[in-house]
Amino acid sequence: MAFVQIFRPRDQIRITQSPSGGGRGNPAWDFQFFIPDYKVGKRYQMVMRAMYLPCESQQQIERACEMHRRALSGK
């Protein structure tokens, strides 16, 4: 199975990895919501879509995600 998170490009999400976050030999993958020049009291939001699907190949995952990537990028 594959778990996929798809973010809007304009939200400037950064994928991060902690070598020990999931325990010995099991790195943790996380994301950070980067907000340049943020203002206290202002509302910010990000948009993300998630998919959980059988993992047959990288190409199959890319095909399954393409519609969502286009929708989130506004194209």
PDB file of N, CA and C in Angstrom:
ATOM      1  N   MET A   1       0.847  -1.179   0.000  1.00  0.00           N
ATOM      2  CA  MET A   1       0.000   0.000   0.000  1.00  0.00           C
ATOM      3  C   MET A   1       0.893   1.243   0.000  1.00  0.00           C
ATOM      4  N   ALA A   2       0.354   2.312  -0.541  1.00  0.00           N
ATOM      5  CA  ALA A   2       1.073   3.594  -0.572  1.00  0.00           C
ATOM      6  C   ALA A   2       0.185   4.661   0.066  1.00  0.00           C
ATOM      7  N   PHE A   3       0.808   5.546   0.815  1.00  0.00           N
ATOM      8  CA  PHE A   3       0.132   6.713   1.376  1.00  0.00           C
ATOM      9  C   PHE A   3       0.746   7.932   0.706  1.00  0.00           C
ATOM     10  N   VAL A   4      -0.077   8.717   0.032  1.00  0.00           N
ATOM     11  CA  VAL A   4       0.401   9.861  -0.748  1.00  0.00           C
ATOM     12  C   VAL A   4      -0.226  11.131  -0.200  1.00  0.00           C
ATOM     13  N   GLN A   5       0.587  12.151  -0.003  1.00  0.00           N
ATOM     14  CA  GLN A   5       0.093  13.473   0.369  1.00  0.00           C
ATOM     15  C   GLN A   5       0.466  14.426  -0.759  1.00  0.00           C
ATOM     16  N   ILE A   6      -0.526  15.172  -1.240  1.00  0.00           N
ATOM     17  CA  ILE A   6      -0.324  16.089  -2.352  1.00  0.00           C
ATOM     18  C   ILE A   6      -0.678  17.488  -1.859  1.00  0.00           C
ATOM     19  N   PHE A   7       0.256  18.420  -1.999  1.00  0.00           N
ATOM     20  CA  PHE A   7       0.085  19.783  -1.491  1.00  0.00           C
ATOM     21  C   PHE A   7      -0.009  20.784  -2.628  1.00  0.00           C
ATOM     22  N   ARG A   8      -0.645  21.912  -2.358  1.00  0.00           N
ATOM     23  CA  ARG A   8      -0.667  23.004  -3.338  1.00  0.00           C
ATOM     24  C   ARG A   8       0.733  23.600  -3.428  1.00  0.00           C
ATOM     25  N   PRO A   9       1.229  23.841  -4.637  1.00  0.00           N
ATOM     26  CA  PRO A   9       2.562  24.449  -4.770  1.00  0.00           C
ATOM     27  C   PRO A   9       2.675  25.803  -4.066  1.00  0.00           C
ATOM     28  N   ARG A  10       1.629  26.617  -4.119  1.00  0.00           N
ATOM     29  CA  ARG A  10       1.723  27.974  -3.541  1.00  0.00           C
ATOM     30  C   ARG A  10       1.852  27.973  -2.019  1.00  0.00           C
ATOM     31  N   ASP A  11       1.570  26.833  -1.360  1.00  0.00           N
ATOM     32  CA  ASP A  11       1.668  26.768   0.094  1.00  0.00           C
ATOM     33  C   ASP A  11       3.100  26.550   0.578  1.00  0.00           C
ATOM     34  N   GLN A  12       4.022  26.316  -0.326  1.00  0.00           N
ATOM     35  CA  GLN A  12       5.447  26.170  -0.005  1.00  0.00           C
ATOM     36  C   GLN A  12       5.700  25.122   1.084  1.00  0.00           C
ATOM     37  N   ILE A  13       5.062  23.971   0.956  1.00  0.00           N
ATOM     38  CA  ILE A  13       5.271  22.873   1.904  1.00  0.00           C
ATOM     39  C   ILE A  13       6.651  22.274   1.656  1.00  0.00           C
ATOM     40  N   ARG A  14       7.355  22.020   2.723  1.00  0.00           N
ATOM     41  CA  ARG A  14       8.686  21.414   2.630  1.00  0.00           C
ATOM     42  C   ARG A  14       8.645  20.030   3.264  1.00  0.00           C
ATOM     43  N   ILE A  15       9.102  19.035   2.503  1.00  0.00           N
ATOM     44  CA  ILE A  15       9.168  17.674   3.012  1.00  0.00           C
ATOM     45  C   ILE A  15      10.463  17.540   3.812  1.00  0.00           C
ATOM     46  N   THR A  16      10.368  16.988   5.019  1.00  0.00           N
ATOM     47  CA  THR A  16      11.531  16.850   5.889  1.00  0.00           C
ATOM     48  C   THR A  16      11.645  15.407   6.370  1.00  0.00           C
ATOM     49  N   GLN A  17      12.846  15.021   6.733  1.00  0.00           N
ATOM     50  CA  GLN A  17      13.092  13.661   7.191  1.00  0.00           C
ATOM     51  C   GLN A  17      13.955  13.703   8.438  1.00  0.00           C
ATOM     52  N   SER A  18      13.526  12.946   9.443  1.00  0.00           N
ATOM     53  CA  SER A  18      14.284  12.823  10.679  1.00  0.00           C
ATOM     54  C   SER A  18      14.857  11.412  10.725  1.00  0.00           C
ATOM     55  N   PRO A  19      16.183  11.263  10.765  1.00  0.00           N
ATOM     56  CA  PRO A  19      16.775   9.930  10.711  1.00  0.00           C
ATOM     57  C   PRO A  19      16.401   9.028  11.880  1.00  0.00           C
ATOM     58  N   SER A  20      16.006   9.592  13.015  1.00  0.00           N
ATOM     59  CA  SER A  20      15.677   8.758  14.168  1.00  0.00           C
ATOM     60  C   SER A  20      14.225   8.928  14.623  1.00  0.00           C
ATOM     61  N   GLY A  21      13.451   9.665  13.885  1.00  0.00           N
ATOM     62  CA  GLY A  21      12.098  10.007  14.317  1.00  0.00           C
ATOM     63  C   GLY A  21      11.147   8.851  14.500  1.00  0.00           C
ATOM     64  N   GLY A  22      11.289   7.792  13.714  1.00  0.00           N
ATOM     65  CA  GLY A  22      10.391   6.653  13.828  1.00  0.00           C
ATOM     66  C   GLY A  22      10.988   5.489  14.593  1.00  0.00           C
ATOM     67  N   GLY A  23      12.126   5.703  15.217  1.00  0.00           N
ATOM     68  CA  GLY A  23      12.811   4.627  15.936  1.00  0.00           C
ATOM     69  C   GLY A  23      14.015   4.130  15.149  1.00  0.00           C
ATOM     70  N   ARG A  24      14.788   3.290  15.757  1.00  0.00           N
ATOM     71  CA  ARG A  24      16.024   2.796  15.147  1.00  0.00           C
ATOM     72  C   ARG A  24      15.763   2.165  13.769  1.00  0.00           C
ATOM     73  N   GLY A  25      16.468   2.692  12.774  1.00  0.00           N
ATOM     74  CA  GLY A  25      16.342   2.177  11.422  1.00  0.00           C
ATOM     75  C   GLY A  25      15.031   2.501  10.730  1.00  0.00           C
ATOM     76  N   ASN A  26      14.262   3.390  11.320  1.00  0.00           N
ATOM     77  CA  ASN A  26      12.954   3.722  10.765  1.00  0.00           C
ATOM     78  C   ASN A  26      12.792   5.244  10.752  1.00  0.00           C
ATOM     79  N   PRO A  27      13.269   5.908   9.693  1.00  0.00           N
ATOM     80  CA  PRO A  27      13.195   7.371   9.657  1.00  0.00           C
ATOM     81  C   PRO A  27      11.748   7.860   9.595  1.00  0.00           C
ATOM     82  N   ALA A  28      11.535   9.048  10.081  1.00  0.00           N
ATOM     83  CA  ALA A  28      10.207   9.666  10.042  1.00  0.00           C
ATOM     84  C   ALA A  28      10.188  10.725   8.938  1.00  0.00           C
ATOM     85  N   TRP A  29       9.166  10.686   8.108  1.00  0.00           N
ATOM     86  CA  TRP A  29       8.966  11.698   7.074  1.00  0.00           C
ATOM     87  C   TRP A  29       7.868  12.633   7.541  1.00  0.00           C
ATOM     88  N   ASP A  30       8.131  13.919   7.465  1.00  0.00           N
ATOM     89  CA  ASP A  30       7.195  14.933   7.913  1.00  0.00           C
ATOM     90  C   ASP A  30       7.117  16.039   6.869  1.00  0.00           C
ATOM     91  N   PHE A  31       6.258  17.010   7.117  1.00  0.00           N
ATOM     92  CA  PHE A  31       6.233  18.201   6.271  1.00  0.00           C
ATOM     93  C   PHE A  31       6.162  19.434   7.149  1.00  0.00           C
ATOM     94  N   GLN A  32       6.653  20.538   6.603  1.00  0.00           N
ATOM     95  CA  GLN A  32       6.617  21.824   7.287  1.00  0.00           C
ATOM     96  C   GLN A  32       5.870  22.811   6.408  1.00  0.00           C
ATOM     97  N   PHE A  33       5.019  23.592   7.027  1.00  0.00           N
ATOM     98  CA  PHE A  33       4.271  24.647   6.344  1.00  0.00           C
ATOM     99  C   PHE A  33       5.078  25.930   6.499  1.00  0.00           C
ATOM    100  N   PHE A  34       5.720  26.370   5.440  1.00  0.00           N
ATOM    101  CA  PHE A  34       6.600  27.528   5.480  1.00  0.00           C
ATOM    102  C   PHE A  34       5.802  28.783   5.135  1.00  0.00           C
ATOM    103  N   ILE A  35       5.828  29.759   6.038  1.00  0.00           N
ATOM    104  CA  ILE A  35       5.118  31.017   5.818  1.00  0.00           C
ATOM    105  C   ILE A  35       6.126  32.156   5.910  1.00  0.00           C
ATOM    106  N   PRO A  36       6.584  32.665   4.761  1.00  0.00           N
ATOM    107  CA  PRO A  36       7.537  33.777   4.805  1.00  0.00           C
ATOM    108  C   PRO A  36       6.855  35.066   5.288  1.00  0.00           C
ATOM    109  N   ASP A  37       7.552  35.821   6.083  1.00  0.00           N
ATOM    110  CA  ASP A  37       7.063  37.125   6.554  1.00  0.00           C
ATOM    111  C   ASP A  37       5.659  37.046   7.161  1.00  0.00           C
ATOM    112  N   TYR A  38       5.448  36.062   8.048  1.00  0.00           N
ATOM    113  CA  TYR A  38       4.131  35.884   8.654  1.00  0.00           C
ATOM    114  C   TYR A  38       3.784  37.062   9.559  1.00  0.00           C
ATOM    115  N   LYS A  39       2.500  37.254   9.749  1.00  0.00           N
ATOM    116  CA  LYS A  39       1.988  38.319  10.615  1.00  0.00           C
ATOM    117  C   LYS A  39       1.173  37.666  11.736  1.00  0.00           C
ATOM    118  N   VAL A  40       1.445  38.058  12.962  1.00  0.00           N
ATOM    119  CA  VAL A  40       0.706  37.555  14.113  1.00  0.00           C
ATOM    120  C   VAL A  40      -0.745  37.994  13.991  1.00  0.00           C
ATOM    121  N   GLY A  41      -1.663  37.080  14.237  1.00  0.00           N
ATOM    122  CA  GLY A  41      -3.086  37.384  14.184  1.00  0.00           C
ATOM    123  C   GLY A  41      -3.713  37.190  12.813  1.00  0.00           C
ATOM    124  N   LYS A  42      -2.915  36.951  11.788  1.00  0.00           N
ATOM    125  CA  LYS A  42      -3.436  36.720  10.451  1.00  0.00           C
ATOM    126  C   LYS A  42      -3.689  35.233  10.261  1.00  0.00           C
ATOM    127  N   ARG A  43      -4.765  34.900   9.558  1.00  0.00           N
ATOM    128  CA  ARG A  43      -5.111  33.498   9.294  1.00  0.00           C
ATOM    129  C   ARG A  43      -4.318  32.975   8.099  1.00  0.00           C
ATOM    130  N   TYR A  44      -3.750  31.788   8.256  1.00  0.00           N
ATOM    131  CA  TYR A  44      -3.037  31.108   7.182  1.00  0.00           C
ATOM    132  C   TYR A  44      -3.611  29.705   7.048  1.00  0.00           C
ATOM    133  N   GLN A  45      -3.589  29.180   5.853  1.00  0.00           N
ATOM    134  CA  GLN A  45      -4.042  27.809   5.667  1.00  0.00           C
ATOM    135  C   GLN A  45      -3.281  27.151   4.527  1.00  0.00           C
ATOM    136  N   MET A  46      -3.237  25.836   4.594  1.00  0.00           N
ATOM    137  CA  MET A  46      -2.663  25.048   3.510  1.00  0.00           C
ATOM    138  C   MET A  46      -3.729  24.059   3.065  1.00  0.00           C
ATOM    139  N   VAL A  47      -3.568  23.559   1.862  1.00  0.00           N
ATOM    140  CA  VAL A  47      -4.497  22.566   1.338  1.00  0.00           C
ATOM    141  C   VAL A  47      -3.689  21.340   0.956  1.00  0.00           C
ATOM    142  N   MET A  48      -4.193  20.172   1.375  1.00  0.00           N
ATOM    143  CA  MET A  48      -3.507  18.917   1.088  1.00  0.00           C
ATOM    144  C   MET A  48      -4.557  17.859   0.776  1.00  0.00           C
ATOM    145  N   ARG A  49      -4.244  16.998  -0.163  1.00  0.00           N
ATOM    146  CA  ARG A  49      -5.069  15.821  -0.432  1.00  0.00           C
ATOM    147  C   ARG A  49      -4.245  14.595  -0.081  1.00  0.00           C
ATOM    148  N   ALA A  50      -4.919  13.580   0.442  1.00  0.00           N
ATOM    149  CA  ALA A  50      -4.241  12.342   0.806  1.00  0.00           C
ATOM    150  C   ALA A  50      -4.889  11.175   0.077  1.00  0.00           C
ATOM    151  N   MET A  51      -4.045  10.211  -0.279  1.00  0.00           N
ATOM    152  CA  MET A  51      -4.528   8.994  -0.943  1.00  0.00           C
ATOM    153  C   MET A  51      -3.864   7.788  -0.281  1.00  0.00           C
ATOM    154  N   TYR A  52      -4.626   6.723  -0.135  1.00  0.00           N
ATOM    155  CA  TYR A  52      -4.112   5.443   0.356  1.00  0.00           C
ATOM    156  C   TYR A  52      -4.541   4.420  -0.683  1.00  0.00           C
ATOM    157  N   LEU A  53      -3.588   3.851  -1.395  1.00  0.00           N
ATOM    158  CA  LEU A  53      -3.922   2.987  -2.506  1.00  0.00           C
ATOM    159  C   LEU A  53      -2.893   1.869  -2.676  1.00  0.00           C
ATOM    160  N   PRO A  54      -3.269   0.804  -3.375  1.00  0.00           N
ATOM    161  CA  PRO A  54      -2.295  -0.264  -3.619  1.00  0.00           C
ATOM    162  C   PRO A  54      -1.100   0.260  -4.399  1.00  0.00           C
ATOM    163  N   CYS A  55       0.071  -0.197  -4.049  1.00  0.00           N
ATOM    164  CA  CYS A  55       1.306   0.254  -4.707  1.00  0.00           C
ATOM    165  C   CYS A  55       1.783  -0.837  -5.659  1.00  0.00           C
ATOM    166  N   GLU A  56       1.537  -0.617  -6.942  1.00  0.00           N
ATOM    167  CA  GLU A  56       1.965  -1.574  -7.956  1.00  0.00           C
ATOM    168  C   GLU A  56       3.258  -1.133  -8.624  1.00  0.00           C
ATOM    169  N   SER A  57       3.395   0.177  -8.843  1.00  0.00           N
ATOM    170  CA  SER A  57       4.606   0.728  -9.459  1.00  0.00           C
ATOM    171  C   SER A  57       4.616   2.240  -9.251  1.00  0.00           C
ATOM    172  N   GLN A  58       5.767   2.835  -9.453  1.00  0.00           N
ATOM    173  CA  GLN A  58       5.867   4.290  -9.353  1.00  0.00           C
ATOM    174  C   GLN A  58       4.982   4.951 -10.404  1.00  0.00           C
ATOM    175  N   GLN A  59       4.964   4.404 -11.606  1.00  0.00           N
ATOM    176  CA  GLN A  59       4.156   4.972 -12.689  1.00  0.00           C
ATOM    177  C   GLN A  59       2.661   4.911 -12.344  1.00  0.00           C
ATOM    178  N   GLN A  60       2.224   3.827 -11.730  1.00  0.00           N
ATOM    179  CA  GLN A  60       0.813   3.696 -11.348  1.00  0.00           C
ATOM    180  C   GLN A  60       0.440   4.741 -10.309  1.00  0.00           C
ATOM    181  N   ILE A  61       1.320   4.981  -9.351  1.00  0.00           N
ATOM    182  CA  ILE A  61       1.066   6.002  -8.323  1.00  0.00           C
ATOM    183  C   ILE A  61       1.017   7.387  -8.965  1.00  0.00           C
ATOM    184  N   GLU A  62       1.956   7.672  -9.852  1.00  0.00           N
ATOM    185  CA  GLU A  62       1.974   8.973 -10.532  1.00  0.00           C
ATOM    186  C   GLU A  62       0.702   9.190 -11.341  1.00  0.00           C
ATOM    187  N   ARG A  63       0.240   8.162 -12.045  1.00  0.00           N
ATOM    188  CA  ARG A  63      -1.008   8.282 -12.825  1.00  0.00           C
ATOM    189  C   ARG A  63      -2.201   8.542 -11.902  1.00  0.00           C
ATOM    190  N   ALA A  64      -2.252   7.838 -10.773  1.00  0.00           N
ATOM    191  CA  ALA A  64      -3.361   8.002  -9.837  1.00  0.00           C
ATOM    192  C   ALA A  64      -3.390   9.405  -9.228  1.00  0.00           C
ATOM    193  N   CYS A  65      -2.241  10.028  -9.092  1.00  0.00           N
ATOM    194  CA  CYS A  65      -2.135  11.341  -8.447  1.00  0.00           C
ATOM    195  C   CYS A  65      -2.260  12.514  -9.414  1.00  0.00           C
ATOM    196  N   GLU A  66      -2.102  12.276 -10.693  1.00  0.00           N
ATOM    197  CA  GLU A  66      -2.007  13.375 -11.668  1.00  0.00           C
ATOM    198  C   GLU A  66      -3.200  14.320 -11.622  1.00  0.00           C
ATOM    199  N   MET A  67      -4.418  13.806 -11.570  1.00  0.00           N
ATOM    200  CA  MET A  67      -5.611  14.666 -11.542  1.00  0.00           C
ATOM    201  C   MET A  67      -5.581  15.571 -10.307  1.00  0.00           C
ATOM    202  N   HIS A  68      -5.168  15.032  -9.179  1.00  0.00           N
ATOM    203  CA  HIS A  68      -5.129  15.806  -7.936  1.00  0.00           C
ATOM    204  C   HIS A  68      -4.019  16.859  -7.981  1.00  0.00           C
ATOM    205  N   ARG A  69      -2.877  16.501  -8.548  1.00  0.00           N
ATOM    206  CA  ARG A  69      -1.780  17.471  -8.676  1.00  0.00           C
ATOM    207  C   ARG A  69      -2.203  18.644  -9.563  1.00  0.00           C
ATOM    208  N   ARG A  70      -2.872  18.344 -10.668  1.00  0.00           N
ATOM    209  CA  ARG A  70      -3.342  19.417 -11.556  1.00  0.00           C
ATOM    210  C   ARG A  70      -4.368  20.305 -10.842  1.00  0.00           C
ATOM    211  N   ALA A  71      -5.295  19.687 -10.123  1.00  0.00           N
ATOM    212  CA  ALA A  71      -6.334  20.453  -9.424  1.00  0.00           C
ATOM    213  C   ALA A  71      -5.728  21.381  -8.374  1.00  0.00           C
ATOM    214  N   LEU A  72      -4.750  20.891  -7.628  1.00  0.00           N
ATOM    215  CA  LEU A  72      -4.144  21.711  -6.583  1.00  0.00           C
ATOM    216  C   LEU A  72      -3.230  22.798  -7.140  1.00  0.00           C
ATOM    217  N   SER A  73      -2.704  22.594  -8.335  1.00  0.00           N
ATOM    218  CA  SER A  73      -1.826  23.615  -8.917  1.00  0.00           C
ATOM    219  C   SER A  73      -2.606  24.666  -9.688  1.00  0.00           C
ATOM    220  N   GLY A  74      -3.921  24.424  -9.887  1.00  0.00           N
ATOM    221  CA  GLY A  74      -4.759  25.393 -10.591  1.00  0.00           C
ATOM    222  C   GLY A  74      -4.630  25.325 -12.093  1.00  0.00           C
ATOM    223  N   LYS A  75      -4.046  24.245 -12.607  1.00  0.00           N
ATOM    224  CA  LYS A  75      -3.856  24.117 -14.057  1.00  0.00           C
ATOM    225  C   LYS A  75      -4.898  23.223 -14.667  1.00  0.00           C
TER     226      LYS A  75
END
